[in-house]
Structure formats: C-alpha cells, structure tokens
N, C-alpha and C. Protein backbone atom coordinates (compact mmCIF):
# COMPACT_ATOMS: atom_id res chain seq x y z
N MET A 1 0.76 -1.58 -0.32
CA MET A 1 -0.09 -0.24 -0.27
C MET A 1 0.80 1.54 0.01
N ILE A 2 0.61 2.33 -0.93
CA ILE A 2 1.31 3.66 -0.92
C ILE A 2 0.90 4.29 0.55
N PRO A 3 1.96 4.77 0.81
CA PRO A 3 1.72 6.18 2.48
C PRO A 3 0.88 7.02 1.66
N SER A 4 -0.35 7.79 2.61
CA SER A 4 -0.82 8.77 1.89
C SER A 4 0.24 9.98 1.85
N GLN A 5 0.97 9.69 2.33
CA GLN A 5 1.96 11.28 2.31
C GLN A 5 2.04 11.84 0.84
N LEU A 6 2.85 10.34 0.33
CA LEU A 6 3.23 10.07 -0.99
C LEU A 6 2.26 10.23 -2.11
N LEU A 7 1.53 9.86 -1.94
CA LEU A 7 0.14 9.96 -2.92
C LEU A 7 -0.53 12.09 -2.61
N LYS A 8 -0.27 12.17 -2.07
CA LYS A 8 -0.71 13.54 -1.85
C LYS A 8 -0.81 14.45 -2.40
N GLY A 9 0.76 13.94 -3.04
CA GLY A 9 0.77 15.25 -3.93
C GLY A 9 1.02 14.88 -5.24
N THR A 10 0.53 13.69 -5.85
CA THR A 10 0.24 12.74 -7.55
C THR A 10 -0.83 12.63 -7.59
N LEU A 11 -2.01 12.63 -6.48
CA LEU A 11 -2.99 12.16 -6.91
C LEU A 11 -4.24 12.79 -7.90
N GLU A 12 -3.59 13.73 -7.63
CA GLU A 12 -4.70 14.52 -8.38
C GLU A 12 -4.22 14.69 -10.18
N GLY A 13 -3.34 14.78 -10.14
CA GLY A 13 -2.37 14.15 -11.43
C GLY A 13 -2.85 13.26 -12.16
N CYS A 14 -2.90 12.44 -11.09
CA CYS A 14 -3.02 10.95 -11.60
C CYS A 14 -4.74 10.91 -12.06
N LEU A 15 -5.89 11.70 -10.69
CA LEU A 15 -7.40 12.09 -11.79
C LEU A 15 -7.42 12.80 -12.88
N LEU A 16 -6.32 13.35 -13.42
CA LEU A 16 -6.68 14.22 -14.77
C LEU A 16 -6.26 13.29 -15.71
N GLU A 17 -5.32 12.03 -15.26
CA GLU A 17 -5.01 11.23 -16.80
C GLU A 17 -5.85 10.46 -16.72
N ILE A 18 -6.87 9.79 -15.78
CA ILE A 18 -7.82 8.79 -16.14
C ILE A 18 -9.09 9.86 -15.90
N ILE A 19 -9.01 10.64 -16.02
CA ILE A 19 -10.84 11.75 -16.97
C ILE A 19 -10.30 11.95 -18.28
N ARG A 20 -8.80 11.97 -18.52
CA ARG A 20 -8.80 12.65 -19.64
C ARG A 20 -8.80 11.22 -20.80
N ARG A 21 -8.67 10.34 -20.39
CA ARG A 21 -8.85 8.68 -21.31
C ARG A 21 -9.94 8.88 -21.12
N ARG A 22 -11.23 8.58 -20.60
CA ARG A 22 -12.59 8.43 -21.01
C ARG A 22 -13.62 9.52 -19.87
N GLU A 23 -14.87 9.42 -20.02
CA GLU A 23 -15.65 9.88 -19.49
C GLU A 23 -15.61 9.00 -18.21
N ILE A 24 -16.10 9.38 -17.27
CA ILE A 24 -16.41 8.84 -15.66
C ILE A 24 -16.52 8.34 -14.83
N TYR A 25 -17.64 8.45 -13.62
CA TYR A 25 -17.88 8.83 -12.43
C TYR A 25 -16.79 8.19 -11.84
N GLY A 26 -17.35 8.71 -10.37
CA GLY A 26 -16.50 8.85 -8.74
C GLY A 26 -15.52 7.05 -8.78
N TYR A 27 -17.04 6.52 -8.55
CA TYR A 27 -16.26 5.30 -8.05
C TYR A 27 -15.79 4.59 -8.85
N GLU A 28 -15.65 4.97 -10.00
CA GLU A 28 -15.37 4.07 -11.62
C GLU A 28 -13.62 4.64 -11.45
N ILE A 29 -13.58 5.70 -10.76
CA ILE A 29 -12.22 6.63 -10.63
C ILE A 29 -11.12 5.53 -9.59
N SER A 30 -12.00 5.44 -8.46
CA SER A 30 -11.59 5.07 -7.34
C SER A 30 -11.21 3.16 -7.31
N GLN A 31 -12.18 2.15 -8.37
CA GLN A 31 -12.05 0.80 -8.97
C GLN A 31 -10.51 1.52 -9.94
N GLU A 32 -10.75 2.59 -10.73
CA GLU A 32 -9.31 2.22 -11.59
C GLU A 32 -8.11 2.51 -11.31
N LEU A 33 -7.91 3.35 -9.63
CA LEU A 33 -6.66 3.52 -8.97
C LEU A 33 -6.50 1.97 -8.41
N ALA A 34 -7.73 1.70 -7.98
CA ALA A 34 -7.14 0.45 -6.92
C ALA A 34 -6.78 -0.82 -8.13
N ARG A 35 -7.35 -0.70 -9.41
CA ARG A 35 -6.53 -1.95 -10.50
C ARG A 35 -5.18 -1.31 -11.11
N CYS A 36 -4.56 -0.30 -11.14
CA CYS A 36 -3.33 0.56 -11.22
C CYS A 36 -2.40 0.35 -10.18
N GLY A 37 -3.02 -0.73 -8.88
CA GLY A 37 -1.80 -0.14 -7.93
C GLY A 37 -1.66 0.05 -6.67
N PHE A 38 -2.74 0.97 -6.93
CA PHE A 38 -2.60 2.27 -5.29
C PHE A 38 -3.63 1.64 -4.49
N GLY A 39 -4.30 0.70 -4.82
CA GLY A 39 -5.04 0.16 -3.82
C GLY A 39 -5.77 0.51 -3.31
N PRO A 40 -6.66 0.72 -1.67
CA PRO A 40 -8.05 1.33 -1.93
C PRO A 40 -7.37 2.92 -0.98
N ILE A 41 -8.37 3.75 -2.28
CA ILE A 41 -8.76 5.06 -1.40
C ILE A 41 -9.75 6.02 -1.23
N SER A 42 -9.74 6.13 -0.10
CA SER A 42 -11.05 6.69 0.76
C SER A 42 -12.48 7.50 -0.52
N ASP A 43 -13.66 7.39 -0.49
CA ASP A 43 -13.83 8.66 -1.19
C ASP A 43 -13.95 10.64 -0.25
N GLY A 44 -13.26 10.19 0.47
CA GLY A 44 -13.08 11.54 1.64
C GLY A 44 -11.76 12.07 0.63
N THR A 45 -10.76 11.21 0.58
CA THR A 45 -10.14 11.83 -0.58
C THR A 45 -10.15 11.87 -2.22
N ILE A 46 -11.09 11.12 -2.64
CA ILE A 46 -10.84 11.81 -3.82
C ILE A 46 -12.01 12.70 -4.50
N TYR A 47 -13.11 12.64 -4.17
CA TYR A 47 -13.97 13.40 -3.96
C TYR A 47 -14.09 14.84 -3.31
N PRO A 48 -13.32 14.85 -2.46
CA PRO A 48 -12.54 16.95 -2.86
C PRO A 48 -12.04 16.88 -3.69
N LEU A 49 -10.75 15.58 -4.10
CA LEU A 49 -10.04 16.50 -5.13
C LEU A 49 -10.75 16.73 -6.13
N LEU A 50 -12.15 16.05 -6.74
CA LEU A 50 -12.64 16.13 -7.02
C LEU A 50 -13.55 17.61 -7.81
N MET A 51 -14.06 17.73 -6.79
CA MET A 51 -14.55 18.99 -6.19
C MET A 51 -13.72 20.39 -6.67
N ARG A 52 -12.84 20.66 -5.99
CA ARG A 52 -11.77 21.25 -6.29
C ARG A 52 -11.18 20.88 -7.86
N LEU A 53 -10.61 20.33 -8.78
CA LEU A 53 -10.41 20.26 -9.82
C LEU A 53 -11.77 20.90 -10.62
N GLU A 54 -13.00 20.98 -10.15
CA GLU A 54 -13.89 21.78 -11.28
C GLU A 54 -14.39 22.74 -10.56
N LYS A 55 -13.76 23.14 -9.31
CA LYS A 55 -14.02 24.61 -9.07
C LYS A 55 -13.10 25.38 -9.82
N ASN A 56 -11.92 24.53 -9.75
CA ASN A 56 -10.56 25.39 -10.65
C ASN A 56 -11.07 25.43 -12.62
N GLY A 57 -11.57 24.47 -13.18
CA GLY A 57 -12.07 24.65 -13.84
C GLY A 57 -11.32 23.54 -14.88
N CYS A 58 -10.53 22.73 -14.16
CA CYS A 58 -10.24 21.71 -15.28
C CYS A 58 -10.61 20.56 -15.61
N ILE A 59 -11.39 20.13 -14.88
CA ILE A 59 -12.89 19.26 -15.43
C ILE A 59 -14.16 19.78 -15.15
N ALA A 60 -15.04 19.25 -16.01
CA ALA A 60 -16.49 19.47 -15.89
C ALA A 60 -17.22 18.65 -15.48
N ALA A 61 -18.41 18.36 -15.20
CA ALA A 61 -19.50 17.32 -14.47
C ALA A 61 -20.56 17.85 -15.03
N THR A 62 -21.22 16.21 -15.23
CA THR A 62 -22.63 16.44 -16.02
C THR A 62 -23.48 14.94 -14.81
N TYR A 63 -24.78 15.40 -14.83
CA TYR A 63 -25.03 13.98 -13.84
C TYR A 63 -26.14 13.29 -15.14
N ARG A 64 -26.09 12.36 -15.13
CA ARG A 64 -26.94 11.02 -16.13
C ARG A 64 -27.61 10.36 -14.83
N SER A 65 -28.55 10.00 -15.51
CA SER A 65 -29.18 8.90 -14.52
C SER A 65 -28.70 7.40 -14.88
N SER A 66 -28.65 7.03 -14.38
CA SER A 66 -27.98 5.08 -14.42
C SER A 66 -29.45 4.01 -13.46
N ALA A 67 -29.08 3.05 -14.15
CA ALA A 67 -30.16 1.73 -14.07
C ALA A 67 -29.82 0.92 -12.93
N ALA A 68 -28.72 1.31 -12.06
CA ALA A 68 -28.18 0.67 -10.99
C ALA A 68 -29.26 1.69 -9.87
N GLY A 69 -28.89 2.49 -10.11
CA GLY A 69 -29.52 3.86 -9.02
C GLY A 69 -30.02 4.70 -9.41
N PRO A 70 -29.29 6.35 -8.23
CA PRO A 70 -29.57 7.39 -8.18
C PRO A 70 -28.58 7.72 -9.81
N ARG A 71 -28.47 8.89 -10.03
CA ARG A 71 -28.30 9.60 -11.31
C ARG A 71 -26.45 9.76 -10.48
N ARG A 72 -25.72 9.73 -11.69
CA ARG A 72 -24.43 9.61 -11.51
C ARG A 72 -24.15 10.39 -11.98
N LYS A 73 -22.61 11.55 -11.05
CA LYS A 73 -22.07 12.88 -12.11
C LYS A 73 -20.66 11.88 -12.45
N TYR A 74 -20.90 12.32 -14.29
CA TYR A 74 -19.44 11.82 -14.94
C TYR A 74 -18.95 12.82 -15.12
N TYR A 75 -17.18 12.66 -15.24
CA TYR A 75 -16.54 13.87 -15.04
C TYR A 75 -15.73 13.71 -16.61
N THR A 76 -15.29 15.17 -17.21
CA THR A 76 -14.86 15.07 -18.36
C THR A 76 -13.71 16.51 -18.11
N ILE A 77 -12.27 16.17 -19.30
CA ILE A 77 -11.02 16.71 -18.70
C ILE A 77 -11.77 18.16 -19.48
N THR A 78 -11.19 19.50 -19.15
CA THR A 78 -11.32 20.57 -20.06
C THR A 78 -9.87 21.15 -20.61
N PRO A 79 -9.91 22.26 -21.29
CA PRO A 79 -8.63 22.01 -21.98
C PRO A 79 -7.47 23.24 -20.75
N ALA A 80 -8.21 23.74 -19.77
CA ALA A 80 -7.57 23.60 -18.45
C ALA A 80 -6.51 22.88 -17.77
N GLY A 81 -7.67 21.60 -18.11
CA GLY A 81 -7.57 20.31 -16.98
C GLY A 81 -6.28 19.45 -17.87
N GLU A 82 -5.98 19.43 -19.35
CA GLU A 82 -4.99 18.98 -20.43
C GLU A 82 -3.80 19.83 -20.03
N ALA A 83 -4.10 21.29 -19.45
CA ALA A 83 -2.53 21.73 -19.65
C ALA A 83 -2.14 22.05 -18.33
N GLN A 84 -3.07 21.90 -17.25
CA GLN A 84 -2.94 21.27 -15.72
C GLN A 84 -2.10 19.88 -15.78
N LEU A 85 -2.69 19.07 -16.66
CA LEU A 85 -1.96 17.29 -16.37
C LEU A 85 -0.92 17.23 -17.68
N ARG A 86 -0.63 18.33 -17.93
CA ARG A 86 0.79 18.60 -19.08
C ARG A 86 1.91 18.89 -18.03
N GLN A 87 1.15 20.07 -17.43
CA GLN A 87 2.22 20.51 -16.46
C GLN A 87 2.79 19.70 -15.24
N PHE A 88 1.57 18.91 -14.58
CA PHE A 88 2.23 17.71 -13.79
C PHE A 88 3.10 16.76 -14.30
N CYS A 89 2.78 16.29 -15.66
CA CYS A 89 3.99 15.34 -16.38
C CYS A 89 5.40 15.82 -16.36
N ALA A 90 5.44 17.30 -16.25
CA ALA A 90 6.63 17.80 -16.36
C ALA A 90 7.53 17.23 -15.12
N SER A 91 6.47 17.88 -14.54
CA SER A 91 7.15 18.11 -12.91
C SER A 91 7.46 16.75 -12.69
N TRP A 92 6.35 15.46 -12.65
CA TRP A 92 6.51 14.40 -12.53
C TRP A 92 8.08 13.72 -13.23
N GLY A 93 8.52 13.97 -14.24
CA GLY A 93 9.51 13.67 -14.89
C GLY A 93 10.61 13.72 -14.12
N GLU A 94 10.44 15.05 -13.91
CA GLU A 94 11.57 16.26 -13.06
C GLU A 94 12.15 15.40 -11.98
N LEU A 95 11.06 15.17 -10.88
CA LEU A 95 10.82 14.43 -9.96
C LEU A 95 11.10 12.92 -9.63
N SER A 96 10.48 11.88 -11.01
CA SER A 96 10.76 11.08 -10.89
C SER A 96 12.94 10.70 -11.38
N ALA A 97 13.29 11.53 -12.38
CA ALA A 97 15.02 11.19 -12.76
C ALA A 97 15.51 12.13 -11.62
N ALA A 98 15.33 12.89 -10.57
CA ALA A 98 15.80 13.46 -9.57
C ALA A 98 16.23 11.57 -9.14
N VAL A 99 15.12 11.50 -8.83
CA VAL A 99 15.37 10.20 -7.05
C VAL A 99 15.59 9.32 -7.49
N GLN A 100 15.23 8.93 -8.97
CA GLN A 100 15.99 7.88 -9.87
C GLN A 100 17.84 8.48 -9.55
N GLY A 101 17.96 9.18 -10.27
CA GLY A 101 19.27 9.28 -9.90
C GLY A 101 20.14 9.31 -8.92
N LEU A 102 19.25 10.11 -7.67
CA LEU A 102 19.92 9.68 -5.89
C LEU A 102 19.98 8.34 -5.93
N PHE A 103 19.07 7.46 -6.24
CA PHE A 103 18.93 6.25 -5.79
C PHE A 103 19.86 5.35 -6.67
N GLU A 104 20.81 6.04 -8.31
CA GLU A 104 21.80 5.15 -8.70
C GLU A 104 22.53 5.38 -8.67
N LYS A 105 23.03 6.79 -7.72
CA LYS A 105 24.77 6.92 -7.05
C LYS A 105 25.03 6.23 -5.71
N GLU A 106 26.30 6.00 -6.28
CA GLU A 106 26.66 5.39 -4.95
C GLU A 106 27.55 6.09 -3.95
N GLU A 107 27.76 7.09 -4.29
CA GLU A 107 28.11 8.70 -3.71
C GLU A 107 27.09 9.82 -3.56
N PRO A 108 27.26 10.15 -2.26
CA PRO A 108 26.54 10.97 -1.91
C PRO A 108 26.19 12.85 -2.91
N CYS A 109 25.46 12.31 -3.38
CA CYS A 109 25.03 13.98 -3.83
C CYS A 109 25.99 14.84 -4.23
N ASN A 110 26.24 15.40 -2.49
CA ASN A 110 26.98 16.96 -2.94
C ASN A 110 28.48 16.40 -1.94
N GLY A 111 28.02 15.63 -2.57
CA GLY A 111 30.31 14.37 -2.24
C GLY A 111 30.69 14.57 -1.33
N GLN A 112 29.59 14.34 -0.35
CA GLN A 112 29.98 14.53 1.25
C GLN A 112 29.64 13.23 2.01
N GLU A 113 30.32 12.63 2.78
CA GLU A 113 29.66 11.64 3.58
C GLU A 113 28.16 11.83 4.18
N ASN A 114 27.74 10.90 4.05
CA ASN A 114 26.76 11.11 5.25
C ASN A 114 27.47 10.99 7.06
N ARG A 115 26.41 11.52 7.76
CA ARG A 115 26.77 11.47 9.01
C ARG A 115 25.60 10.79 9.86
C-alpha cells in the first residue's frame, strides 16, 4: 500500500489522467486507481479532489441517470485540465529522474559522506 503522504502530491495529476482517458464517474475512478496498484483510496480523499478540480475549471461534470440506482456525476477533462496535466507530467518527470538519479548514485550527491 502506498503511504498517503506520498500520494498527496500526485493523486490530483493521476485523477486528471484517468479522466482524460474517458468520461467517468467517481466510483469508477477509485476502481481504476485500485486496478493500477494504488490500493484502496477513500471517497473522502477522491471526492474533495474532484470538487477542487471542478471548481478550478480543470474538469467538467454532468449528471446522468443510472439503471443501477441514483443518477451519477460523470467527469470530463477541460482544456485547462489538459494544460494542468501536461504541467504535472513535466514536473513528475523531473522529480522521478531526480529520485532515480539519487538511488543510482553510489556517492552522496553533494560529495560529502552522510553522518
């Protein structure tokens, strides 16, 4: 299971990527995250992020009726969300490369021994 502190800064970008792939509702998002190896993520984590993304204009939502019960709120990505996702991917690439570089080095990065 991925610790919540590690997830905090990346989950928003991951939600944007899932929504970019197809129109989707909240429960499906949590299922997709679990399927991709994130483990169970509570609704109390996902829905506030979705509300913030919607408020910031990164995603749009429409309600649709459901044969399985109450109507569902489906999310799609907006141009602003696509721009934010591109920025996230660039930042993630930089962070990932830096962390990978650190773990591949046999010497401390600043040339000094750890004490």
